[in-house]
PDB file of all heavy atoms in Angstrom:
ATOM      1  N   SER A   1      85.693 111.060 126.293  1.00  0.00           N
ATOM      2  CA  SER A   1      85.971 112.417 125.861  1.00  0.00           C
ATOM      3  C   SER A   1      87.183 112.933 126.640  1.00  0.00           C
ATOM      4  O   SER A   1      87.245 112.800 127.858  1.00  0.00           O
ATOM      5  CB  SER A   1      84.764 113.319 126.124  1.00  0.00           C
ATOM      6  OG  SER A   1      85.061 114.656 125.809  1.00  0.00           O
ATOM      7  N   MET A   2      88.131 113.520 125.929  1.00  0.00           N
ATOM      8  CA  MET A   2      89.334 114.065 126.552  1.00  0.00           C
ATOM      9  C   MET A   2      89.233 115.586 126.555  1.00  0.00           C
ATOM     10  O   MET A   2      89.091 116.211 125.492  1.00  0.00           O
ATOM     11  CB  MET A   2      90.570 113.590 125.778  1.00  0.00           C
ATOM     12  CG  MET A   2      91.883 114.077 126.337  1.00  0.00           C
ATOM     13  SD  MET A   2      93.277 113.340 125.424  1.00  0.00           S
ATOM     14  CE  MET A   2      94.605 114.433 125.968  1.00  0.00           C
ATOM     15  N   ALA A   3      89.313 116.193 127.720  1.00  0.00           N
ATOM     16  CA  ALA A   3      89.072 117.625 127.844  1.00  0.00           C
ATOM     17  C   ALA A   3      90.203 118.464 127.261  1.00  0.00           C
ATOM     18  O   ALA A   3      89.963 119.485 126.616  1.00  0.00           O
ATOM     19  CB  ALA A   3      88.859 117.979 129.322  1.00  0.00           C
ATOM     20  N   GLN A   4      91.447 118.065 127.482  1.00  0.00           N
ATOM     21  CA  GLN A   4      92.576 118.876 127.053  1.00  0.00           C
ATOM     22  C   GLN A   4      92.847 118.698 125.556  1.00  0.00           C
ATOM     23  O   GLN A   4      92.749 117.602 125.022  1.00  0.00           O
ATOM     24  CB  GLN A   4      93.842 118.493 127.828  1.00  0.00           C
ATOM     25  CG  GLN A   4      93.688 118.427 129.332  1.00  0.00           C
ATOM     26  CD  GLN A   4      93.428 117.007 129.824  1.00  0.00           C
ATOM     27  OE1 GLN A   4      92.722 116.242 129.183  1.00  0.00           O
ATOM     28  NE2 GLN A   4      94.009 116.675 130.971  1.00  0.00           N
ATOM     29  N   PRO A   5      93.211 119.772 124.877  1.00  0.00           N
ATOM     30  CA  PRO A   5      93.623 119.644 123.480  1.00  0.00           C
ATOM     31  C   PRO A   5      94.995 118.974 123.394  1.00  0.00           C
ATOM     32  O   PRO A   5      95.742 118.949 124.378  1.00  0.00           O
ATOM     33  CB  PRO A   5      93.675 121.092 122.995  1.00  0.00           C
ATOM     34  CG  PRO A   5      93.969 121.882 124.234  1.00  0.00           C
ATOM     35  CD  PRO A   5      93.262 121.170 125.359  1.00  0.00           C
ATOM     36  N   GLY A   6      95.313 118.440 122.241  1.00  0.00           N
ATOM     37  CA  GLY A   6      96.613 117.815 122.065  1.00  0.00           C
ATOM     38  C   GLY A   6      96.617 116.899 120.856  1.00  0.00           C
ATOM     39  O   GLY A   6      95.562 116.577 120.296  1.00  0.00           O
ATOM     40  N   ARG A   7      97.797 116.475 120.467  1.00  0.00           N
ATOM     41  CA  ARG A   7      97.956 115.585 119.316  1.00  0.00           C
ATOM     42  C   ARG A   7      98.280 114.167 119.784  1.00  0.00           C
ATOM     43  O   ARG A   7      98.578 113.935 120.950  1.00  0.00           O
ATOM     44  CB  ARG A   7      99.057 116.114 118.396  1.00  0.00           C
ATOM     45  CG  ARG A   7      98.723 117.473 117.781  1.00  0.00           C
ATOM     46  CD  ARG A   7      99.751 117.896 116.734  1.00  0.00           C
ATOM     47  NE  ARG A   7      99.320 119.128 116.077  1.00  0.00           N
ATOM     48  CZ  ARG A   7      99.720 120.346 116.451  1.00  0.00           C
ATOM     49  NH1 ARG A   7     100.569 120.491 117.464  1.00  0.00           N
ATOM     50  NH2 ARG A   7      99.269 121.418 115.818  1.00  0.00           N
ATOM     51  N   VAL A   8      98.242 113.246 118.827  1.00  0.00           N
ATOM     52  CA  VAL A   8      98.484 111.834 119.109  1.00  0.00           C
ATOM     53  C   VAL A   8      99.555 111.321 118.154  1.00  0.00           C
ATOM     54  O   VAL A   8      99.535 111.635 116.955  1.00  0.00           O
ATOM     55  CB  VAL A   8      97.192 111.005 118.938  1.00  0.00           C
ATOM     56  CG1 VAL A   8      97.456 109.528 119.255  1.00  0.00           C
ATOM     57  CG2 VAL A   8      96.081 111.560 119.829  1.00  0.00           C
ATOM     58  N   LEU A   9     100.484 110.525 118.682  1.00  0.00           N
ATOM     59  CA  LEU A   9     101.545 109.951 117.852  1.00  0.00           C
ATOM     60  C   LEU A   9     101.693 108.470 118.173  1.00  0.00           C
ATOM     61  O   LEU A   9     101.785 108.084 119.339  1.00  0.00           O
ATOM     62  CB  LEU A   9     102.869 110.683 118.114  1.00  0.00           C
ATOM     63  CG  LEU A   9     104.073 110.195 117.307  1.00  0.00           C
ATOM     64  CD1 LEU A   9     103.851 110.430 115.815  1.00  0.00           C
ATOM     65  CD2 LEU A   9     105.348 110.898 117.762  1.00  0.00           C
ATOM     66  N   PHE A  10     101.703 107.651 117.118  1.00  0.00           N
ATOM     67  CA  PHE A  10     101.930 106.217 117.248  1.00  0.00           C
ATOM     68  C   PHE A  10     103.334 105.885 116.754  1.00  0.00           C
ATOM     69  O   PHE A  10     103.729 106.345 115.682  1.00  0.00           O
ATOM     70  CB  PHE A  10     100.927 105.416 116.414  1.00  0.00           C
ATOM     71  CG  PHE A  10      99.504 105.463 116.897  1.00  0.00           C
ATOM     72  CD1 PHE A  10      98.493 104.914 116.118  1.00  0.00           C
ATOM     73  CD2 PHE A  10      99.155 106.033 118.109  1.00  0.00           C
ATOM     74  CE1 PHE A  10      97.175 104.925 116.539  1.00  0.00           C
ATOM     75  CE2 PHE A  10      97.834 106.062 118.543  1.00  0.00           C
ATOM     76  CZ  PHE A  10      96.846 105.503 117.747  1.00  0.00           C
ATOM     77  N   LEU A  11     104.039 105.051 117.489  1.00  0.00           N
ATOM     78  CA  LEU A  11     105.352 104.551 117.084  1.00  0.00           C
ATOM     79  C   LEU A  11     105.262 103.041 116.883  1.00  0.00           C
ATOM     80  O   LEU A  11     105.084 102.292 117.841  1.00  0.00           O
ATOM     81  CB  LEU A  11     106.405 104.853 118.159  1.00  0.00           C
ATOM     82  CG  LEU A  11     106.576 106.309 118.593  1.00  0.00           C
ATOM     83  CD1 LEU A  11     107.643 106.405 119.686  1.00  0.00           C
ATOM     84  CD2 LEU A  11     106.953 107.189 117.413  1.00  0.00           C
ATOM     85  N   GLY A  12     105.356 102.597 115.642  1.00  0.00           N
ATOM     86  CA  GLY A  12     105.339 101.172 115.373  1.00  0.00           C
ATOM     87  C   GLY A  12     104.074 100.467 115.836  1.00  0.00           C
ATOM     88  O   GLY A  12     104.123  99.294 116.221  1.00  0.00           O
ATOM     89  N   THR A  13     102.953 101.131 115.774  1.00  0.00           N
ATOM     90  CA  THR A  13     101.686 100.538 116.225  1.00  0.00           C
ATOM     91  C   THR A  13     101.057  99.697 115.122  1.00  0.00           C
ATOM     92  O   THR A  13     100.853 100.195 114.010  1.00  0.00           O
ATOM     93  CB  THR A  13     100.712 101.650 116.664  1.00  0.00           C
ATOM     94  OG1 THR A  13     101.212 102.280 117.840  1.00  0.00           O
ATOM     95  CG2 THR A  13      99.334 101.081 116.958  1.00  0.00           C
ATOM     96  N   PRO A  14     100.715  98.446 115.404  1.00  0.00           N
ATOM     97  CA  PRO A  14     100.088  97.577 114.403  1.00  0.00           C
ATOM     98  C   PRO A  14      98.592  97.879 114.278  1.00  0.00           C
ATOM     99  O   PRO A  14      97.747  97.143 114.794  1.00  0.00           O
ATOM    100  CB  PRO A  14     100.345  96.176 114.955  1.00  0.00           C
ATOM    101  CG  PRO A  14     100.406  96.364 116.437  1.00  0.00           C
ATOM    102  CD  PRO A  14     101.029  97.722 116.649  1.00  0.00           C
ATOM    103  N   CYS A  15      98.276  98.940 113.593  1.00  0.00           N
ATOM    104  CA  CYS A  15      96.898  99.433 113.535  1.00  0.00           C
ATOM    105  C   CYS A  15      95.945  98.441 112.875  1.00  0.00           C
ATOM    106  O   CYS A  15      94.755  98.409 113.196  1.00  0.00           O
ATOM    107  CB  CYS A  15      96.860 100.760 112.787  1.00  0.00           C
ATOM    108  SG  CYS A  15      97.789 102.089 113.593  1.00  0.00           S
ATOM    109  N   THR A  16      96.437  97.638 111.936  1.00  0.00           N
ATOM    110  CA  THR A  16      95.567  96.690 111.241  1.00  0.00           C
ATOM    111  C   THR A  16      95.704  95.271 111.792  1.00  0.00           C
ATOM    112  O   THR A  16      95.156  94.326 111.214  1.00  0.00           O
ATOM    113  CB  THR A  16      95.876  96.668 109.737  1.00  0.00           C
ATOM    114  OG1 THR A  16      97.220  96.194 109.532  1.00  0.00           O
ATOM    115  CG2 THR A  16      95.750  98.057 109.137  1.00  0.00           C
ATOM    116  N   GLY A  17      96.429  95.098 112.884  1.00  0.00           N
ATOM    117  CA  GLY A  17      96.703  93.774 113.422  1.00  0.00           C
ATOM    118  C   GLY A  17      98.149  93.402 113.186  1.00  0.00           C
ATOM    119  O   GLY A  17      98.905  94.133 112.545  1.00  0.00           O
ATOM    120  N   SER A  18      98.561  92.249 113.685  1.00  0.00           N
ATOM    121  CA  SER A  18      99.955  91.847 113.612  1.00  0.00           C
ATOM    122  C   SER A  18     100.091  90.412 113.117  1.00  0.00           C
ATOM    123  O   SER A  18      99.570  89.479 113.733  1.00  0.00           O
ATOM    124  CB  SER A  18     100.613  91.970 114.993  1.00  0.00           C
ATOM    125  OG  SER A  18     101.855  91.308 115.039  1.00  0.00           O
ATOM    126  N   GLY A  19     100.801  90.243 112.005  1.00  0.00           N
ATOM    127  CA  GLY A  19     101.058  88.911 111.491  1.00  0.00           C
ATOM    128  C   GLY A  19     101.881  88.072 112.453  1.00  0.00           C
ATOM    129  O   GLY A  19     101.653  86.871 112.604  1.00  0.00           O
ATOM    130  N   VAL A  20     102.837  88.702 113.122  1.00  0.00           N
ATOM    131  CA  VAL A  20     103.658  87.991 114.104  1.00  0.00           C
ATOM    132  C   VAL A  20     102.790  87.512 115.259  1.00  0.00           C
ATOM    133  O   VAL A  20     102.905  86.366 115.722  1.00  0.00           O
ATOM    134  CB  VAL A  20     104.800  88.892 114.606  1.00  0.00           C
ATOM    135  CG1 VAL A  20     105.491  88.262 115.815  1.00  0.00           C
ATOM    136  CG2 VAL A  20     105.811  89.147 113.497  1.00  0.00           C
ATOM    137  N   ALA A  21     101.908  88.381 115.753  1.00  0.00           N
ATOM    138  CA  ALA A  21     101.024  87.995 116.856  1.00  0.00           C
ATOM    139  C   ALA A  21     100.079  86.881 116.430  1.00  0.00           C
ATOM    140  O   ALA A  21      99.810  85.953 117.207  1.00  0.00           O
ATOM    141  CB  ALA A  21     100.236  89.203 117.344  1.00  0.00           C
ATOM    142  N   ARG A  22      99.565  86.940 115.208  1.00  0.00           N
ATOM    143  CA  ARG A  22      98.671  85.880 114.736  1.00  0.00           C
ATOM    144  C   ARG A  22      99.394  84.544 114.659  1.00  0.00           C
ATOM    145  O   ARG A  22      98.817  83.499 115.004  1.00  0.00           O
ATOM    146  CB  ARG A  22      98.078  86.258 113.371  1.00  0.00           C
ATOM    147  CG  ARG A  22      97.018  87.345 113.457  1.00  0.00           C
ATOM    148  CD  ARG A  22      96.243  87.473 112.166  1.00  0.00           C
ATOM    149  NE  ARG A  22      97.072  87.976 111.080  1.00  0.00           N
ATOM    150  CZ  ARG A  22      97.247  89.278 110.828  1.00  0.00           C
ATOM    151  NH1 ARG A  22      96.660  90.191 111.583  1.00  0.00           N
ATOM    152  NH2 ARG A  22      97.999  89.677 109.802  1.00  0.00           N
ATOM    153  N   ARG A  23     100.641  84.558 114.214  1.00  0.00           N
ATOM    154  CA  ARG A  23     101.400  83.317 114.162  1.00  0.00           C
ATOM    155  C   ARG A  23     101.659  82.779 115.567  1.00  0.00           C
ATOM    156  O   ARG A  23     101.502  81.588 115.828  1.00  0.00           O
ATOM    157  CB  ARG A  23     102.738  83.570 113.441  1.00  0.00           C
ATOM    158  CG  ARG A  23     103.632  82.346 113.331  1.00  0.00           C
ATOM    159  CD  ARG A  23     102.982  81.228 112.540  1.00  0.00           C
ATOM    160  NE  ARG A  23     102.635  81.649 111.195  1.00  0.00           N
ATOM    161  CZ  ARG A  23     103.492  81.613 110.162  1.00  0.00           C
ATOM    162  NH1 ARG A  23     104.726  81.161 110.341  1.00  0.00           N
ATOM    163  NH2 ARG A  23     103.113  82.001 108.967  1.00  0.00           N
ATOM    164  N   LEU A  24     102.044  83.665 116.494  1.00  0.00           N
ATOM    165  CA  LEU A  24     102.277  83.246 117.871  1.00  0.00           C
ATOM    166  C   LEU A  24     100.995  82.738 118.515  1.00  0.00           C
ATOM    167  O   LEU A  24     101.010  81.777 119.297  1.00  0.00           O
ATOM    168  CB  LEU A  24     102.846  84.417 118.676  1.00  0.00           C
ATOM    169  CG  LEU A  24     103.286  84.148 120.122  1.00  0.00           C
ATOM    170  CD1 LEU A  24     104.361  83.072 120.169  1.00  0.00           C
ATOM    171  CD2 LEU A  24     103.802  85.437 120.767  1.00  0.00           C
ATOM    172  N   GLY A  25      99.883  83.357 118.163  1.00  0.00           N
ATOM    173  CA  GLY A  25      98.609  82.985 118.750  1.00  0.00           C
ATOM    174  C   GLY A  25      98.062  81.659 118.283  1.00  0.00           C
ATOM    175  O   GLY A  25      97.033  81.192 118.797  1.00  0.00           O
ATOM    176  N   GLN A  26      98.710  81.034 117.308  1.00  0.00           N
ATOM    177  CA  GLN A  26      98.273  79.731 116.843  1.00  0.00           C
ATOM    178  C   GLN A  26      98.542  78.636 117.864  1.00  0.00           C
ATOM    179  O   GLN A  26      97.954  77.556 117.789  1.00  0.00           O
ATOM    180  CB  GLN A  26      98.966  79.379 115.519  1.00  0.00           C
ATOM    181  CG  GLN A  26      98.527  80.248 114.355  1.00  0.00           C
ATOM    182  CD  GLN A  26      99.298  79.934 113.086  1.00  0.00           C
ATOM    183  OE1 GLN A  26     100.234  79.121 113.081  1.00  0.00           O
ATOM    184  NE2 GLN A  26      98.917  80.577 111.991  1.00  0.00           N
ATOM    185  N   TRP A  27      99.443  78.888 118.811  1.00  0.00           N
ATOM    186  CA  TRP A  27      99.768  77.933 119.853  1.00  0.00           C
ATOM    187  C   TRP A  27      99.201  78.400 121.190  1.00  0.00           C
ATOM    188  O   TRP A  27      99.164  79.600 121.479  1.00  0.00           O
ATOM    189  CB  TRP A  27     101.280  77.762 119.960  1.00  0.00           C
ATOM    190  CG  TRP A  27     101.892  77.252 118.691  1.00  0.00           C
ATOM    191  CD1 TRP A  27     101.890  75.972 118.222  1.00  0.00           C
ATOM    192  CD2 TRP A  27     102.600  78.027 117.706  1.00  0.00           C
ATOM    193  NE1 TRP A  27     102.538  75.885 117.013  1.00  0.00           N
ATOM    194  CE2 TRP A  27     102.988  77.124 116.671  1.00  0.00           C
ATOM    195  CE3 TRP A  27     102.929  79.388 117.589  1.00  0.00           C
ATOM    196  CZ2 TRP A  27     103.692  77.548 115.546  1.00  0.00           C
ATOM    197  CZ3 TRP A  27     103.631  79.794 116.473  1.00  0.00           C
ATOM    198  CH2 TRP A  27     103.997  78.886 115.466  1.00  0.00           C
ATOM    199  N   GLY A  28      98.785  77.464 122.002  1.00  0.00           N
ATOM    200  CA  GLY A  28      98.173  77.796 123.282  1.00  0.00           C
ATOM    201  C   GLY A  28      99.077  78.622 124.171  1.00  0.00           C
ATOM    202  O   GLY A  28      98.659  79.639 124.740  1.00  0.00           O
ATOM    203  N   LEU A  29     100.336  78.185 124.289  1.00  0.00           N
ATOM    204  CA  LEU A  29     101.283  78.930 125.121  1.00  0.00           C
ATOM    205  C   LEU A  29     101.538  80.313 124.539  1.00  0.00           C
ATOM    206  O   LEU A  29     101.678  81.294 125.271  1.00  0.00           O
ATOM    207  CB  LEU A  29     102.597  78.157 125.250  1.00  0.00           C
ATOM    208  CG  LEU A  29     102.578  76.934 126.167  1.00  0.00           C
ATOM    209  CD1 LEU A  29     103.927  76.214 126.115  1.00  0.00           C
ATOM    210  CD2 LEU A  29     102.248  77.342 127.601  1.00  0.00           C
ATOM    211  N   GLY A  30     101.580  80.397 123.214  1.00  0.00           N
ATOM    212  CA  GLY A  30     101.794  81.688 122.575  1.00  0.00           C
ATOM    213  C   GLY A  30     100.648  82.640 122.818  1.00  0.00           C
ATOM    214  O   GLY A  30     100.851  83.826 123.087  1.00  0.00           O
ATOM    215  N   ARG A  31      99.424  82.117 122.744  1.00  0.00           N
ATOM    216  CA  ARG A  31      98.255  82.968 122.975  1.00  0.00           C
ATOM    217  C   ARG A  31      98.233  83.472 124.415  1.00  0.00           C
ATOM    218  O   ARG A  31      97.891  84.618 124.682  1.00  0.00           O
ATOM    219  CB  ARG A  31      96.972  82.209 122.654  1.00  0.00           C
ATOM    220  CG  ARG A  31      95.759  83.125 122.513  1.00  0.00           C
ATOM    221  CD  ARG A  31      94.514  82.347 122.157  1.00  0.00           C
ATOM    222  NE  ARG A  31      93.413  83.259 121.885  1.00  0.00           N
ATOM    223  CZ  ARG A  31      93.000  83.612 120.682  1.00  0.00           C
ATOM    224  NH1 ARG A  31      93.625  83.147 119.618  1.00  0.00           N
ATOM    225  NH2 ARG A  31      91.983  84.437 120.523  1.00  0.00           N
ATOM    226  N   ARG A  32      98.617  82.597 125.361  1.00  0.00           N
ATOM    227  CA  ARG A  32      98.670  83.032 126.764  1.00  0.00           C
ATOM    228  C   ARG A  32      99.759  84.076 126.967  1.00  0.00           C
ATOM    229  O   ARG A  32      99.612  85.004 127.762  1.00  0.00           O
ATOM    230  CB  ARG A  32      98.878  81.831 127.684  1.00  0.00           C
ATOM    231  CG  ARG A  32      97.627  80.985 127.875  1.00  0.00           C
ATOM    232  CD  ARG A  32      97.761  80.042 129.053  1.00  0.00           C
ATOM    233  NE  ARG A  32      98.711  78.972 128.772  1.00  0.00           N
ATOM    234  CZ  ARG A  32      98.391  77.824 128.164  1.00  0.00           C
ATOM    235  NH1 ARG A  32      97.148  77.625 127.742  1.00  0.00           N
ATOM    236  NH2 ARG A  32      99.290  76.901 127.964  1.00  0.00           N
ATOM    237  N   ALA A  33     100.875  83.933 126.235  1.00  0.00           N
ATOM    238  CA  ALA A  33     101.967  84.907 126.342  1.00  0.00           C
ATOM    239  C   ALA A  33     101.535  86.273 125.810  1.00  0.00           C
ATOM    240  O   ALA A  33     101.947  87.308 126.327  1.00  0.00           O
ATOM    241  CB  ALA A  33     103.195  84.404 125.590  1.00  0.00           C
ATOM    242  N   ILE A  34     100.713  86.265 124.780  1.00  0.00           N
ATOM    243  CA  ILE A  34     100.230  87.532 124.225  1.00  0.00           C
ATOM    244  C   ILE A  34      99.325  88.244 125.225  1.00  0.00           C
ATOM    245  O   ILE A  34      99.370  89.460 125.364  1.00  0.00           O
ATOM    246  CB  ILE A  34      99.474  87.278 122.905  1.00  0.00           C
ATOM    247  CG1 ILE A  34     100.444  86.795 121.837  1.00  0.00           C
ATOM    248  CG2 ILE A  34      98.764  88.548 122.438  1.00  0.00           C
ATOM    249  CD1 ILE A  34      99.772  86.345 120.567  1.00  0.00           C
ATOM    250  N   GLY A  35      98.502  87.468 125.924  1.00  0.00           N
ATOM    251  CA  GLY A  35      97.654  88.063 126.957  1.00  0.00           C
ATOM    252  C   GLY A  35      96.334  88.604 126.438  1.00  0.00           C
ATOM    253  O   GLY A  35      96.045  88.578 125.233  1.00  0.00           O
ATOM    254  N   LEU A  36      95.541  89.135 127.364  1.00  0.00           N
ATOM    255  CA  LEU A  36      94.176  89.544 127.062  1.00  0.00           C
ATOM    256  C   LEU A  36      94.093  90.706 126.082  1.00  0.00           C
ATOM    257  O   LEU A  36      93.433  90.628 125.051  1.00  0.00           O
ATOM    258  CB  LEU A  36      93.450  89.908 128.362  1.00  0.00           C
ATOM    259  CG  LEU A  36      93.047  88.752 129.278  1.00  0.00           C
ATOM    260  CD1 LEU A  36      92.429  89.297 130.561  1.00  0.00           C
ATOM    261  CD2 LEU A  36      92.063  87.838 128.566  1.00  0.00           C
ATOM    262  N   ALA A  37      94.722  91.825 126.432  1.00  0.00           N
ATOM    263  CA  ALA A  37      94.555  93.040 125.634  1.00  0.00           C
ATOM    264  C   ALA A  37      95.050  92.868 124.210  1.00  0.00           C
ATOM    265  O   ALA A  37      94.373  93.237 123.243  1.00  0.00           O
ATOM    266  CB  ALA A  37      95.270  94.210 126.310  1.00  0.00           C
ATOM    267  N   ALA A  38      96.242  92.284 124.057  1.00  0.00           N
ATOM    268  CA  ALA A  38      96.798  92.112 122.720  1.00  0.00           C
ATOM    269  C   ALA A  38      95.994  91.106 121.911  1.00  0.00           C
ATOM    270  O   ALA A  38      95.829  91.262 120.691  1.00  0.00           O
ATOM    271  CB  ALA A  38      98.254  91.679 122.809  1.00  0.00           C
TER     272      ALA A  38
END
């Protein structure tokens, strides 16, 4: 819960996932480069 009021803006956020990331993630080194959160 966030106490302060305010708005939110996304710039270029892949809300449904990323085709580029999925392609990179097909390789072991690529998946490690993407990291945990992504």
